[in-house]
């Protein structure tokens, strides 16, 4: 008959070891879990990072706009030079052909001195006619040679200019590509940060600062706005305001999307006024109104300063308000004129 023995109970020491091991495992597990799931950043932390990225991205965007404008200008210049080179080459070919005809005539004369051939003529009238033709041929040959040398010199100069312009265009193209990559990288990081927030917090982060000049980012009563001092400025204000709600897109100047300086270019272009492409260049147009927004008139360009660079611009519309294209995720809208540090105000 089989015996029934009670299992051996663990000693107190063994229980203490097992309990300590379990506690250590729980603590380690908690540490691993804490490392695997870091705390989500707060709305204020995300806003600070997104605002910094937006400033850097706007600086890069304006750099891109300037490089693109220069590249377009160089591309047009290169095309014109290449056309000139082609035309000069055709003219050079024609001149060379004319010189070949003169050389062939001399060859057909068999190397006999032309003046001797004329002297052997038995007909005086024929002699005089041939003498005149010979003088004309010599003069023509000299002119063709001179024209040929001049044309070759022009062609060489045009080729050198074309080579220099193409090299400069290549450098601007590299700048364009590098800057484009910078903008896209900052934009992707900004989106990543915003996606960590709730919809309500994202909207709050993307909202403009209110400033003290007016309240409400896009609740402007258009009927109370003062009129501009010129027809062109008033037209630009009306056109800029009509773009409200359209998305921000870096490098865009309408009609469906805009960046900050692109909105200014578009609005004034529709009013018949040409503006340079970047906010830095726009800071030098027209006449200075200073930095006090109380002196601004509708249609004035308000250039904002960020980290020592003039990388944002809005259009003053009156009542302490500007219309502008703020940043990615924030459509064209109005804001208080003093919501950002003002660098200069320009009257176009």
C-alpha atoms as a PDB file:
ATOM      1  CA  UNK A   1       0.000   0.000   0.000  1.00  0.00           C
ATOM      2  CA  UNK A   2       1.504   3.252  -1.148  1.00  0.00           C
ATOM      3  CA  UNK A   3       2.412   5.778   1.500  1.00  0.00           C
ATOM      4  CA  UNK A   4       1.047   9.348   1.343  1.00  0.00           C
ATOM      5  CA  UNK A   5       3.720  11.874   2.320  1.00  0.00           C
ATOM      6  CA  UNK A   6       3.124  15.593   2.739  1.00  0.00           C
ATOM      7  CA  UNK A   7       5.240  17.729   0.390  1.00  0.00           C
ATOM      8  CA  UNK A   8       8.194  19.360   1.979  1.00  0.00           C
ATOM      9  CA  UNK A   9       7.455  23.015   2.936  1.00  0.00           C
ATOM     10  CA  UNK A  10       9.991  25.675   1.847  1.00  0.00           C
ATOM     11  CA  UNK A  11      12.060  27.169   4.578  1.00  0.00           C
ATOM     12  CA  UNK A  12      11.599  30.775   5.721  1.00  0.00           C
ATOM     13  CA  UNK A  13      14.895  31.740   4.122  1.00  0.00           C
ATOM     14  CA  UNK A  14      13.781  30.353   0.780  1.00  0.00           C
ATOM     15  CA  UNK A  15      10.478  32.251   1.001  1.00  0.00           C
ATOM     16  CA  UNK A  16      12.358  35.480   1.693  1.00  0.00           C
ATOM     17  CA  UNK A  17      14.570  34.957  -1.381  1.00  0.00           C
ATOM     18  CA  UNK A  18      11.595  34.228  -3.620  1.00  0.00           C
ATOM     19  CA  UNK A  19       9.674  37.229  -2.338  1.00  0.00           C
ATOM     20  CA  UNK A  20      12.665  39.528  -2.894  1.00  0.00           C
ATOM     21  CA  UNK A  21      13.170  38.190  -6.407  1.00  0.00           C
ATOM     22  CA  UNK A  22       9.535  38.818  -7.292  1.00  0.00           C
ATOM     23  CA  UNK A  23       9.677  42.348  -5.944  1.00  0.00           C
ATOM     24  CA  UNK A  24      12.817  43.064  -7.971  1.00  0.00           C
ATOM     25  CA  UNK A  25      11.156  41.703 -11.125  1.00  0.00           C
ATOM     26  CA  UNK A  26       8.118  43.944 -10.580  1.00  0.00           C
ATOM     27  CA  UNK A  27      10.358  46.980 -10.075  1.00  0.00           C
ATOM     28  CA  UNK A  28      12.379  46.228 -13.201  1.00  0.00           C
ATOM     29  CA  UNK A  29       9.193  45.690 -15.190  1.00  0.00           C
ATOM     30  CA  UNK A  30       7.894  49.064 -14.034  1.00  0.00           C
ATOM     31  CA  UNK A  31      11.151  50.742 -15.117  1.00  0.00           C
ATOM     32  CA  UNK A  32      11.045  49.119 -18.558  1.00  0.00           C
ATOM     33  CA  UNK A  33       7.421  50.154 -18.939  1.00  0.00           C
ATOM     34  CA  UNK A  34       8.281  53.729 -18.016  1.00  0.00           C
ATOM     35  CA  UNK A  35      11.078  53.790 -20.591  1.00  0.00           C
ATOM     36  CA  UNK A  36       8.872  52.268 -23.295  1.00  0.00           C
ATOM     37  CA  UNK A  37       6.052  54.762 -22.815  1.00  0.00           C
ATOM     38  CA  UNK A  38       7.490  58.244 -22.099  1.00  0.00           C
ATOM     39  CA  UNK A  39       5.161  60.920 -20.861  1.00  0.00           C
ATOM     40  CA  UNK A  40       3.363  62.864 -23.578  1.00  0.00           C
ATOM     41  CA  UNK A  41       4.505  66.493 -23.922  1.00  0.00           C
ATOM     42  CA  UNK A  42       2.086  69.135 -22.723  1.00  0.00           C
ATOM     43  CA  UNK A  43       0.284  71.543 -25.026  1.00  0.00           C
ATOM     44  CA  UNK A  44       2.578  74.393 -23.946  1.00  0.00           C
ATOM     45  CA  UNK A  45       5.694  72.311 -24.624  1.00  0.00           C
ATOM     46  CA  UNK A  46       4.433  71.368 -28.087  1.00  0.00           C
ATOM     47  CA  UNK A  47       3.472  74.986 -28.807  1.00  0.00           C
ATOM     48  CA  UNK A  48       6.958  76.199 -27.885  1.00  0.00           C
ATOM     49  CA  UNK A  49       8.588  73.624 -30.143  1.00  0.00           C
ATOM     50  CA  UNK A  50       6.148  74.169 -33.023  1.00  0.00           C
ATOM     51  CA  UNK A  51       6.547  77.958 -32.812  1.00  0.00           C
ATOM     52  CA  UNK A  52      10.324  77.583 -32.990  1.00  0.00           C
ATOM     53  CA  UNK A  53      10.028  75.215 -35.942  1.00  0.00           C
ATOM     54  CA  UNK A  54       7.625  77.626 -37.657  1.00  0.00           C
ATOM     55  CA  UNK A  55      10.120  80.481 -37.317  1.00  0.00           C
ATOM     56  CA  UNK A  56      12.945  78.354 -38.693  1.00  0.00           C
ATOM     57  CA  UNK A  57      10.729  77.079 -41.488  1.00  0.00           C
ATOM     58  CA  UNK A  58       9.630  80.593 -42.460  1.00  0.00           C
ATOM     59  CA  UNK A  59      13.261  81.699 -42.613  1.00  0.00           C
ATOM     60  CA  UNK A  60      14.067  78.704 -44.822  1.00  0.00           C
ATOM     61  CA  UNK A  61      10.978  79.379 -46.948  1.00  0.00           C
ATOM     62  CA  UNK A  62      12.005  82.967 -47.627  1.00  0.00           C
ATOM     63  CA  UNK A  63      15.508  81.743 -48.462  1.00  0.00           C
ATOM     64  CA  UNK A  64      13.947  79.242 -50.861  1.00  0.00           C
ATOM     65  CA  UNK A  65      11.794  81.971 -52.439  1.00  0.00           C
ATOM     66  CA  UNK A  66      14.825  84.182 -52.993  1.00  0.00           C
ATOM     67  CA  UNK A  67      16.868  81.331 -54.468  1.00  0.00           C
ATOM     68  CA  UNK A  68      13.987  80.367 -56.742  1.00  0.00           C
ATOM     69  CA  UNK A  69      13.595  83.928 -57.979  1.00  0.00           C
ATOM     70  CA  UNK A  70      17.330  84.137 -58.736  1.00  0.00           C
ATOM     71  CA  UNK A  71      17.289  80.710 -60.392  1.00  0.00           C
ATOM     72  CA  UNK A  72      14.360  81.700 -62.606  1.00  0.00           C
ATOM     73  CA  UNK A  73      16.140  84.892 -63.601  1.00  0.00           C
ATOM     74  CA  UNK A  74      19.376  83.026 -64.343  1.00  0.00           C
ATOM     75  CA  UNK A  75      17.482  80.385 -66.312  1.00  0.00           C
ATOM     76  CA  UNK A  76      15.931  83.081 -68.483  1.00  0.00           C
ATOM     77  CA  UNK A  77      19.297  84.810 -68.912  1.00  0.00           C
ATOM     78  CA  UNK A  78      20.949  81.524 -69.881  1.00  0.00           C
ATOM     79  CA  UNK A  79      18.244  80.868 -72.457  1.00  0.00           C
ATOM     80  CA  UNK A  80      18.759  84.293 -74.014  1.00  0.00           C
ATOM     81  CA  UNK A  81      22.532  83.816 -74.132  1.00  0.00           C
ATOM     82  CA  UNK A  82      22.159  80.400 -75.710  1.00  0.00           C
ATOM     83  CA  UNK A  83      19.920  81.922 -78.390  1.00  0.00           C
ATOM     84  CA  UNK A  84      22.536  84.606 -79.015  1.00  0.00           C
ATOM     85  CA  UNK A  85      25.259  81.969 -79.300  1.00  0.00           C
ATOM     86  CA  UNK A  86      23.187  80.034 -81.831  1.00  0.00           C
ATOM     87  CA  UNK A  87      22.560  83.163 -83.938  1.00  0.00           C
ATOM     88  CA  UNK A  88      26.215  84.195 -83.736  1.00  0.00           C
ATOM     89  CA  UNK A  89      27.273  80.728 -84.839  1.00  0.00           C
ATOM     90  CA  UNK A  90      24.974  80.953 -87.884  1.00  0.00           C
ATOM     91  CA  UNK A  91      26.412  84.362 -88.796  1.00  0.00           C
ATOM     92  CA  UNK A  92      29.924  83.027 -88.378  1.00  0.00           C
ATOM     93  CA  UNK A  93      29.113  80.128 -90.681  1.00  0.00           C
ATOM     94  CA  UNK A  94      27.754  82.520 -93.319  1.00  0.00           C
ATOM     95  CA  UNK A  95      30.842  84.720 -93.116  1.00  0.00           C
ATOM     96  CA  UNK A  96      33.108  81.687 -93.402  1.00  0.00           C
ATOM     97  CA  UNK A  97      31.217  80.597 -96.499  1.00  0.00           C
ATOM     98  CA  UNK A  98      31.687  84.047 -98.047  1.00  0.00           C
ATOM     99  CA  UNK A  99      35.398  83.943 -97.378  1.00  0.00           C
ATOM    100  CA  UNK A 100      35.580  80.504 -98.979  1.00  0.00           C
ATOM    101  CA  UNK A 101      34.085  81.948-102.187  1.00  0.00           C
ATOM    102  CA  UNK A 102      36.775  84.639-102.288  1.00  0.00           C
ATOM    103  CA  UNK A 103      39.485  82.036-101.751  1.00  0.00           C
ATOM    104  CA  UNK A 104      38.054  79.872-104.539  1.00  0.00           C
ATOM    105  CA  UNK A 105      38.164  82.813-106.950  1.00  0.00           C
ATOM    106  CA  UNK A 106      41.849  83.341-106.195  1.00  0.00           C
ATOM    107  CA  UNK A 107      42.520  79.645-106.724  1.00  0.00           C
ATOM    108  CA  UNK A 108      40.818  79.711-110.139  1.00  0.00           C
ATOM    109  CA  UNK A 109      43.139  82.542-111.151  1.00  0.00           C
ATOM    110  CA  UNK A 110      45.925  79.983-111.042  1.00  0.00           C
ATOM    111  CA  UNK A 111      48.152  81.993-108.750  1.00  0.00           C
ATOM    112  CA  UNK A 112      48.800  84.639-111.434  1.00  0.00           C
ATOM    113  CA  UNK A 113      48.931  88.148-110.046  1.00  0.00           C
ATOM    114  CA  UNK A 114      45.556  89.744-110.824  1.00  0.00           C
ATOM    115  CA  UNK A 115      47.133  93.048-111.846  1.00  0.00           C
ATOM    116  CA  UNK A 116      49.322  91.227-114.413  1.00  0.00           C
ATOM    117  CA  UNK A 117      46.246  89.518-115.838  1.00  0.00           C
ATOM    118  CA  UNK A 118      44.568  92.893-116.240  1.00  0.00           C
ATOM    119  CA  UNK A 119      47.619  94.367-118.008  1.00  0.00           C
ATOM    120  CA  UNK A 120      47.571  91.551-120.578  1.00  0.00           C
ATOM    121  CA  UNK A 121      44.025  92.426-121.573  1.00  0.00           C
ATOM    122  CA  UNK A 122      43.777  93.723-125.167  1.00  0.00           C
ATOM    123  CA  UNK A 123      40.520  95.590-124.495  1.00  0.00           C
ATOM    124  CA  UNK A 124      41.002  98.811-122.458  1.00  0.00           C
ATOM    125  CA  UNK A 125      37.335  98.902-121.472  1.00  0.00           C
ATOM    126  CA  UNK A 126      37.541  95.296-120.297  1.00  0.00           C
ATOM    127  CA  UNK A 127      40.731  96.154-118.420  1.00  0.00           C
ATOM    128  CA  UNK A 128      39.061  99.023-116.565  1.00  0.00           C
ATOM    129  CA  UNK A 129      36.013  96.890-115.745  1.00  0.00           C
ATOM    130  CA  UNK A 130      38.133  94.034-114.400  1.00  0.00           C
ATOM    131  CA  UNK A 131      40.356  96.452-112.474  1.00  0.00           C
ATOM    132  CA  UNK A 132      37.295  97.856-110.746  1.00  0.00           C
ATOM    133  CA  UNK A 133      36.037  94.332-109.980  1.00  0.00           C
ATOM    134  CA  UNK A 134      39.428  93.377-108.562  1.00  0.00           C
ATOM    135  CA  UNK A 135      39.485  96.404-106.255  1.00  0.00           C
ATOM    136  CA  UNK A 136      35.995  95.568-105.107  1.00  0.00           C
ATOM    137  CA  UNK A 137      36.964  91.929-104.494  1.00  0.00           C
ATOM    138  CA  UNK A 138      39.997  92.946-102.444  1.00  0.00           C
ATOM    139  CA  UNK A 139      37.898  95.354-100.412  1.00  0.00           C
ATOM    140  CA  UNK A 140      35.193  92.694 -99.905  1.00  0.00           C
ATOM    141  CA  UNK A 141      37.772  90.149 -98.806  1.00  0.00           C
ATOM    142  CA  UNK A 142      39.183  92.548 -96.233  1.00  0.00           C
ATOM    143  CA  UNK A 143      35.706  93.360 -94.891  1.00  0.00           C
ATOM    144  CA  UNK A 144      34.758  89.678 -94.687  1.00  0.00           C
ATOM    145  CA  UNK A 145      37.926  88.861 -92.780  1.00  0.00           C
ATOM    146  CA  UNK A 146      37.336  91.713 -90.329  1.00  0.00           C
ATOM    147  CA  UNK A 147      33.691  90.729 -89.832  1.00  0.00           C
ATOM    148  CA  UNK A 148      34.715  87.128 -89.346  1.00  0.00           C
ATOM    149  CA  UNK A 149      37.198  88.017 -86.605  1.00  0.00           C
ATOM    150  CA  UNK A 150      34.701  90.314 -84.868  1.00  0.00           C
ATOM    151  CA  UNK A 151      31.999  87.677 -84.975  1.00  0.00           C
ATOM    152  CA  UNK A 152      34.336  85.004 -83.603  1.00  0.00           C
ATOM    153  CA  UNK A 153      35.282  87.318 -80.746  1.00  0.00           C
ATOM    154  CA  UNK A 154      31.612  87.979 -79.914  1.00  0.00           C
ATOM    155  CA  UNK A 155      30.817  84.277 -80.083  1.00  0.00           C
ATOM    156  CA  UNK A 156      33.652  83.401 -77.682  1.00  0.00           C
ATOM    157  CA  UNK A 157      32.504  86.100 -75.240  1.00  0.00           C
ATOM    158  CA  UNK A 158      28.881  84.892 -75.368  1.00  0.00           C
ATOM    159  CA  UNK A 159      29.999  81.328 -74.732  1.00  0.00           C
ATOM    160  CA  UNK A 160      32.000  82.430 -71.671  1.00  0.00           C
ATOM    161  CA  UNK A 161      29.022  84.399 -70.319  1.00  0.00           C
ATOM    162  CA  UNK A 162      26.728  81.419 -70.886  1.00  0.00           C
ATOM    163  CA  UNK A 163      29.122  79.082 -69.067  1.00  0.00           C
ATOM    164  CA  UNK A 164      29.326  81.467 -66.084  1.00  0.00           C
ATOM    165  CA  UNK A 165      25.536  81.884 -65.889  1.00  0.00           C
ATOM    166  CA  UNK A 166      24.941  78.134 -66.117  1.00  0.00           C
ATOM    167  CA  UNK A 167      27.463  77.539 -63.305  1.00  0.00           C
ATOM    168  CA  UNK A 168      25.689  80.131 -61.136  1.00  0.00           C
ATOM    169  CA  UNK A 169      22.346  78.539 -61.974  1.00  0.00           C
ATOM    170  CA  UNK A 170      23.704  75.160 -60.902  1.00  0.00           C
ATOM    171  CA  UNK A 171      24.707  76.641 -57.526  1.00  0.00           C
ATOM    172  CA  UNK A 172      21.261  78.208 -57.022  1.00  0.00           C
ATOM    173  CA  UNK A 173      19.625  74.897 -57.910  1.00  0.00           C
ATOM    174  CA  UNK A 174      21.649  73.142 -55.207  1.00  0.00           C
ATOM    175  CA  UNK A 175      20.617  75.841 -52.721  1.00  0.00           C
ATOM    176  CA  UNK A 176      16.996  75.336 -53.749  1.00  0.00           C
ATOM    177  CA  UNK A 177      17.140  71.597 -53.188  1.00  0.00           C
ATOM    178  CA  UNK A 178      18.953  71.897 -49.839  1.00  0.00           C
ATOM    179  CA  UNK A 179      16.529  74.521 -48.561  1.00  0.00           C
ATOM    180  CA  UNK A 180      13.539  72.527 -49.772  1.00  0.00           C
ATOM    181  CA  UNK A 181      14.774  69.532 -47.772  1.00  0.00           C
ATOM    182  CA  UNK A 182      15.189  71.733 -44.671  1.00  0.00           C
ATOM    183  CA  UNK A 183      11.625  73.039 -44.957  1.00  0.00           C
ATOM    184  CA  UNK A 184      10.162  69.590 -45.480  1.00  0.00           C
ATOM    185  CA  UNK A 185      12.109  68.187 -42.527  1.00  0.00           C
ATOM    186  CA  UNK A 186      10.897  70.951 -40.185  1.00  0.00           C
ATOM    187  CA  UNK A 187       7.360  70.596 -41.491  1.00  0.00           C
ATOM    188  CA  UNK A 188       7.386  66.831 -40.838  1.00  0.00           C
ATOM    189  CA  UNK A 189       8.687  67.367 -37.286  1.00  0.00           C
ATOM    190  CA  UNK A 190       6.027  70.008 -36.631  1.00  0.00           C
ATOM    191  CA  UNK A 191       3.288  67.655 -37.801  1.00  0.00           C
ATOM    192  CA  UNK A 192       4.677  64.859 -35.646  1.00  0.00           C
ATOM    193  CA  UNK A 193       4.506  67.058 -32.560  1.00  0.00           C
ATOM    194  CA  UNK A 194       1.010  68.298 -33.330  1.00  0.00           C
ATOM    195  CA  UNK A 195      -0.271  64.774 -33.892  1.00  0.00           C
ATOM    196  CA  UNK A 196       0.511  63.999 -30.245  1.00  0.00           C
ATOM    197  CA  UNK A 197      -2.156  66.487 -29.143  1.00  0.00           C
ATOM    198  CA  UNK A 198      -5.904  66.363 -29.102  1.00  0.00           C
ATOM    199  CA  UNK A 199      -7.838  68.188 -31.830  1.00  0.00           C
ATOM    200  CA  UNK A 200      -8.707  70.998 -29.439  1.00  0.00           C
ATOM    201  CA  UNK A 201      -5.097  71.445 -28.302  1.00  0.00           C
ATOM    202  CA  UNK A 202      -3.863  71.363 -31.923  1.00  0.00           C
ATOM    203  CA  UNK A 203      -6.262  74.165 -32.806  1.00  0.00           C
ATOM    204  CA  UNK A 204      -5.062  76.189 -29.823  1.00  0.00           C
ATOM    205  CA  UNK A 205      -1.407  75.759 -30.810  1.00  0.00           C
ATOM    206  CA  UNK A 206      -2.101  76.828 -34.401  1.00  0.00           C
ATOM    207  CA  UNK A 207      -4.010  79.930 -33.300  1.00  0.00           C
ATOM    208  CA  UNK A 208      -2.266  83.287 -33.666  1.00  0.00           C
ATOM    209  CA  UNK A 209      -1.267  85.402 -30.705  1.00  0.00           C
ATOM    210  CA  UNK A 210      -3.847  88.096 -30.106  1.00  0.00           C
ATOM    211  CA  UNK A 211      -1.601  91.064 -29.427  1.00  0.00           C
ATOM    212  CA  UNK A 212      -3.045  94.228 -27.858  1.00  0.00           C
ATOM    213  CA  UNK A 213      -4.129  96.202 -30.911  1.00  0.00           C
ATOM    214  CA  UNK A 214      -7.323  94.199 -31.463  1.00  0.00           C
ATOM    215  CA  UNK A 215      -9.040  91.061 -30.269  1.00  0.00           C
ATOM    216  CA  UNK A 216     -10.207  88.097 -32.297  1.00  0.00           C
ATOM    217  CA  UNK A 217      -7.990  86.559 -34.956  1.00  0.00           C
ATOM    218  CA  UNK A 218     -10.467  86.652 -37.844  1.00  0.00           C
ATOM    219  CA  UNK A 219     -13.614  88.431 -36.728  1.00  0.00           C
ATOM    220  CA  UNK A 220     -12.997  91.754 -38.469  1.00  0.00           C
ATOM    221  CA  UNK A 221     -15.988  93.914 -39.349  1.00  0.00           C
ATOM    222  CA  UNK A 222     -15.073  94.909 -42.901  1.00  0.00           C
ATOM    223  CA  UNK A 223     -17.656  97.678 -42.934  1.00  0.00           C
ATOM    224  CA  UNK A 224     -15.703  99.612 -40.296  1.00  0.00           C
ATOM    225  CA  UNK A 225     -12.306  99.429 -42.032  1.00  0.00           C
ATOM    226  CA  UNK A 226     -10.887 102.754 -43.291  1.00  0.00           C
ATOM    227  CA  UNK A 227     -10.228 103.254 -46.980  1.00  0.00           C
ATOM    228  CA  UNK A 228      -6.709 103.207 -48.407  1.00  0.00           C
ATOM    229  CA  UNK A 229      -5.117 106.394 -49.696  1.00  0.00           C
ATOM    230  CA  UNK A 230      -4.680 105.017 -53.239  1.00  0.00           C
ATOM    231  CA  UNK A 231      -6.740 102.893 -55.603  1.00  0.00           C
ATOM    232  CA  UNK A 232      -3.937 100.335 -55.952  1.00  0.00           C
ATOM    233  CA  UNK A 233      -3.558  99.924 -52.174  1.00  0.00           C
ATOM    234  CA  UNK A 234      -7.327  99.559 -51.721  1.00  0.00           C
ATOM    235  CA  UNK A 235      -7.460  96.971 -54.482  1.00  0.00           C
ATOM    236  CA  UNK A 236      -4.589  95.040 -52.867  1.00  0.00           C
ATOM    237  CA  UNK A 237      -6.384  95.073 -49.485  1.00  0.00           C
ATOM    238  CA  UNK A 238      -9.635  93.822 -51.016  1.00  0.00           C
ATOM    239  CA  UNK A 239      -7.858  91.044 -52.909  1.00  0.00           C
ATOM    240  CA  UNK A 240      -5.802  89.950 -49.886  1.00  0.00           C
ATOM    241  CA  UNK A 241      -8.920  89.794 -47.698  1.00  0.00           C
ATOM    242  CA  UNK A 242     -10.688  87.734 -50.356  1.00  0.00           C
ATOM    243  CA  UNK A 243      -8.046  85.008 -49.890  1.00  0.00           C
ATOM    244  CA  UNK A 244      -9.001  84.344 -46.250  1.00  0.00           C
ATOM    245  CA  UNK A 245      -9.481  80.671 -45.556  1.00  0.00           C
ATOM    246  CA  UNK A 246      -7.064  79.523 -48.277  1.00  0.00           C
ATOM    247  CA  UNK A 247      -4.272  77.239 -47.023  1.00  0.00           C
ATOM    248  CA  UNK A 248      -0.701  78.171 -46.250  1.00  0.00           C
ATOM    249  CA  UNK A 249       1.801  76.446 -48.533  1.00  0.00           C
ATOM    250  CA  UNK A 250       5.472  77.316 -48.445  1.00  0.00           C
ATOM    251  CA  UNK A 251       6.744  78.705 -51.751  1.00  0.00           C
ATOM    252  CA  UNK A 252       3.203  79.405 -53.032  1.00  0.00           C
ATOM    253  CA  UNK A 253       1.977  82.735 -54.371  1.00  0.00           C
ATOM    254  CA  UNK A 254      -1.593  81.872 -55.340  1.00  0.00           C
ATOM    255  CA  UNK A 255      -4.179  81.654 -56.469  1.00  0.00           C
ATOM    256  CA  UNK A 256      -5.151  78.602 -54.373  1.00  0.00           C
ATOM    257  CA  UNK A 257      -2.533  78.726 -51.594  1.00  0.00           C
ATOM    258  CA  UNK A 258       0.054  81.158 -50.261  1.00  0.00           C
ATOM    259  CA  UNK A 259       3.029  81.750 -48.040  1.00  0.00           C
ATOM    260  CA  UNK A 260       3.361  85.113 -46.309  1.00  0.00           C
ATOM    261  CA  UNK A 261       5.297  87.051 -48.956  1.00  0.00           C
ATOM    262  CA  UNK A 262       3.503  85.208 -51.761  1.00  0.00           C
ATOM    263  CA  UNK A 263       0.173  86.638 -50.558  1.00  0.00           C
ATOM    264  CA  UNK A 264       1.610  90.178 -50.764  1.00  0.00           C
ATOM    265  CA  UNK A 265       2.983  89.549 -54.261  1.00  0.00           C
ATOM    266  CA  UNK A 266      -0.333  88.129 -55.450  1.00  0.00           C
ATOM    267  CA  UNK A 267      -2.554  90.863 -53.983  1.00  0.00           C
ATOM    268  CA  UNK A 268      -0.464  93.719 -55.357  1.00  0.00           C
ATOM    269  CA  UNK A 269       0.063  92.012 -58.727  1.00  0.00           C
ATOM    270  CA  UNK A 270      -3.719  91.911 -59.191  1.00  0.00           C
ATOM    271  CA  UNK A 271      -3.681  95.639 -58.439  1.00  0.00           C
ATOM    272  CA  UNK A 272      -1.040  96.198 -61.135  1.00  0.00           C
ATOM    273  CA  UNK A 273       1.948  96.637 -58.814  1.00  0.00           C
ATOM    274  CA  UNK A 274       5.025  94.391 -58.897  1.00  0.00           C
ATOM    275  CA  UNK A 275       6.585  93.398 -55.573  1.00  0.00           C
ATOM    276  CA  UNK A 276       9.798  91.429 -55.026  1.00  0.00           C
ATOM    277  CA  UNK A 277       9.313  87.833 -53.928  1.00  0.00           C
ATOM    278  CA  UNK A 278      10.693  87.682 -50.379  1.00  0.00           C
ATOM    279  CA  UNK A 279       9.814  89.484 -47.141  1.00  0.00           C
ATOM    280  CA  UNK A 280      13.435  90.654 -46.860  1.00  0.00           C
ATOM    281  CA  UNK A 281      13.197  92.333 -50.273  1.00  0.00           C
ATOM    282  CA  UNK A 282       9.716  93.668 -49.539  1.00  0.00           C
ATOM    283  CA  UNK A 283      11.203  95.390 -46.481  1.00  0.00           C
ATOM    284  CA  UNK A 284      12.927  97.761 -48.917  1.00  0.00           C
ATOM    285  CA  UNK A 285      10.073  98.692 -51.267  1.00  0.00           C
ATOM    286  CA  UNK A 286       8.283 102.035 -51.345  1.00  0.00           C
ATOM    287  CA  UNK A 287       8.782 104.443 -48.466  1.00  0.00           C
ATOM    288  CA  UNK A 288       9.326 103.797 -44.777  1.00  0.00           C
ATOM    289  CA  UNK A 289       6.550 104.457 -42.265  1.00  0.00           C
ATOM    290  CA  UNK A 290       8.731 103.512 -39.302  1.00  0.00           C
ATOM    291  CA  UNK A 291       7.741 100.853 -36.784  1.00  0.00           C
ATOM    292  CA  UNK A 292       4.779 102.439 -35.007  1.00  0.00           C
ATOM    293  CA  UNK A 293       1.679 100.750 -36.406  1.00  0.00           C
ATOM    294  CA  UNK A 294      -0.453 103.762 -35.464  1.00  0.00           C
ATOM    295  CA  UNK A 295       1.091 105.514 -38.492  1.00  0.00           C
ATOM    296  CA  UNK A 296       0.170 102.683 -40.868  1.00  0.00           C
ATOM    297  CA  UNK A 297      -2.441 102.979 -43.613  1.00  0.00           C
ATOM    298  CA  UNK A 298      -4.420 100.211 -45.358  1.00  0.00           C
ATOM    299  CA  UNK A 299      -2.219  98.496 -47.926  1.00  0.00           C
ATOM    300  CA  UNK A 300       1.055  99.078 -46.045  1.00  0.00           C
ATOM    301  CA  UNK A 301       3.356  96.081 -45.690  1.00  0.00           C
ATOM    302  CA  UNK A 302       4.168  95.210 -42.079  1.00  0.00           C
ATOM    303  CA  UNK A 303       7.491  93.357 -41.878  1.00  0.00           C
ATOM    304  CA  UNK A 304       8.008  91.309 -38.726  1.00  0.00           C
ATOM    305  CA  UNK A 305      11.312  90.560 -37.040  1.00  0.00           C
ATOM    306  CA  UNK A 306      12.170  87.110 -35.701  1.00  0.00           C
ATOM    307  CA  UNK A 307      15.614  86.216 -34.343  1.00  0.00           C
ATOM    308  CA  UNK A 308      17.152  89.149 -36.179  1.00  0.00           C
ATOM    309  CA  UNK A 309      15.687  88.265 -39.582  1.00  0.00           C
ATOM    310  CA  UNK A 310      12.774  89.800 -41.455  1.00  0.00           C
ATOM    311  CA  UNK A 311      11.043  86.562 -42.245  1.00  0.00           C
ATOM    312  CA  UNK A 312       7.318  87.376 -42.024  1.00  0.00           C
ATOM    313  CA  UNK A 313       5.064  89.968 -43.620  1.00  0.00           C
ATOM    314  CA  UNK A 314       1.417  90.958 -43.417  1.00  0.00           C
ATOM    315  CA  UNK A 315      -0.726  93.669 -45.011  1.00  0.00           C
ATOM    316  CA  UNK A 316      -2.233  96.344 -42.801  1.00  0.00           C
ATOM    317  CA  UNK A 317      -5.987  96.699 -43.384  1.00  0.00           C
ATOM    318  CA  UNK A 318      -6.851  99.224 -40.675  1.00  0.00           C
ATOM    319  CA  UNK A 319      -8.207  99.136 -37.113  1.00  0.00           C
ATOM    320  CA  UNK A 320      -4.976  97.631 -35.758  1.00  0.00           C
ATOM    321  CA  UNK A 321      -5.233  94.545 -37.959  1.00  0.00           C
ATOM    322  CA  UNK A 322      -3.262  92.827 -40.722  1.00  0.00           C
ATOM    323  CA  UNK A 323      -4.187  90.047 -43.116  1.00  0.00           C
ATOM    324  CA  UNK A 324      -1.474  87.422 -43.597  1.00  0.00           C
ATOM    325  CA  UNK A 325      -0.650  83.794 -44.382  1.00  0.00           C
ATOM    326  CA  UNK A 326       0.518  82.594 -40.937  1.00  0.00           C
ATOM    327  CA  UNK A 327       2.098  79.113 -41.108  1.00  0.00           C
ATOM    328  CA  UNK A 328       1.412  75.500 -42.115  1.00  0.00           C
ATOM    329  CA  UNK A 329      -1.954  74.388 -40.800  1.00  0.00           C
ATOM    330  CA  UNK A 330      -3.169  77.971 -40.356  1.00  0.00           C
ATOM    331  CA  UNK A 331      -5.028  79.448 -43.370  1.00  0.00           C
ATOM    332  CA  UNK A 332      -4.908  83.032 -44.598  1.00  0.00           C
ATOM    333  CA  UNK A 333      -6.574  85.199 -41.961  1.00  0.00           C
ATOM    334  CA  UNK A 334      -6.291  88.395 -39.955  1.00  0.00           C
ATOM    335  CA  UNK A 335      -4.463  89.068 -36.709  1.00  0.00           C
ATOM    336  CA  UNK A 336      -3.555  91.972 -34.477  1.00  0.00           C
ATOM    337  CA  UNK A 337      -0.875  94.082 -36.102  1.00  0.00           C
ATOM    338  CA  UNK A 338       1.264  93.988 -32.948  1.00  0.00           C
ATOM    339  CA  UNK A 339       0.988  90.222 -32.361  1.00  0.00           C
ATOM    340  CA  UNK A 340       4.604  89.852 -33.525  1.00  0.00           C
ATOM    341  CA  UNK A 341       7.627  92.185 -33.192  1.00  0.00           C
ATOM    342  CA  UNK A 342       7.476  94.772 -35.981  1.00  0.00           C
ATOM    343  CA  UNK A 343      10.688  95.441 -37.878  1.00  0.00           C
ATOM    344  CA  UNK A 344       9.453  98.058 -40.364  1.00  0.00           C
ATOM    345  CA  UNK A 345       6.335  99.246 -42.150  1.00  0.00           C
ATOM    346  CA  UNK A 346       6.534 100.083 -45.858  1.00  0.00           C
ATOM    347  CA  UNK A 347       4.130 102.106 -47.964  1.00  0.00           C
ATOM    348  CA  UNK A 348       4.045 100.725 -51.511  1.00  0.00           C
END
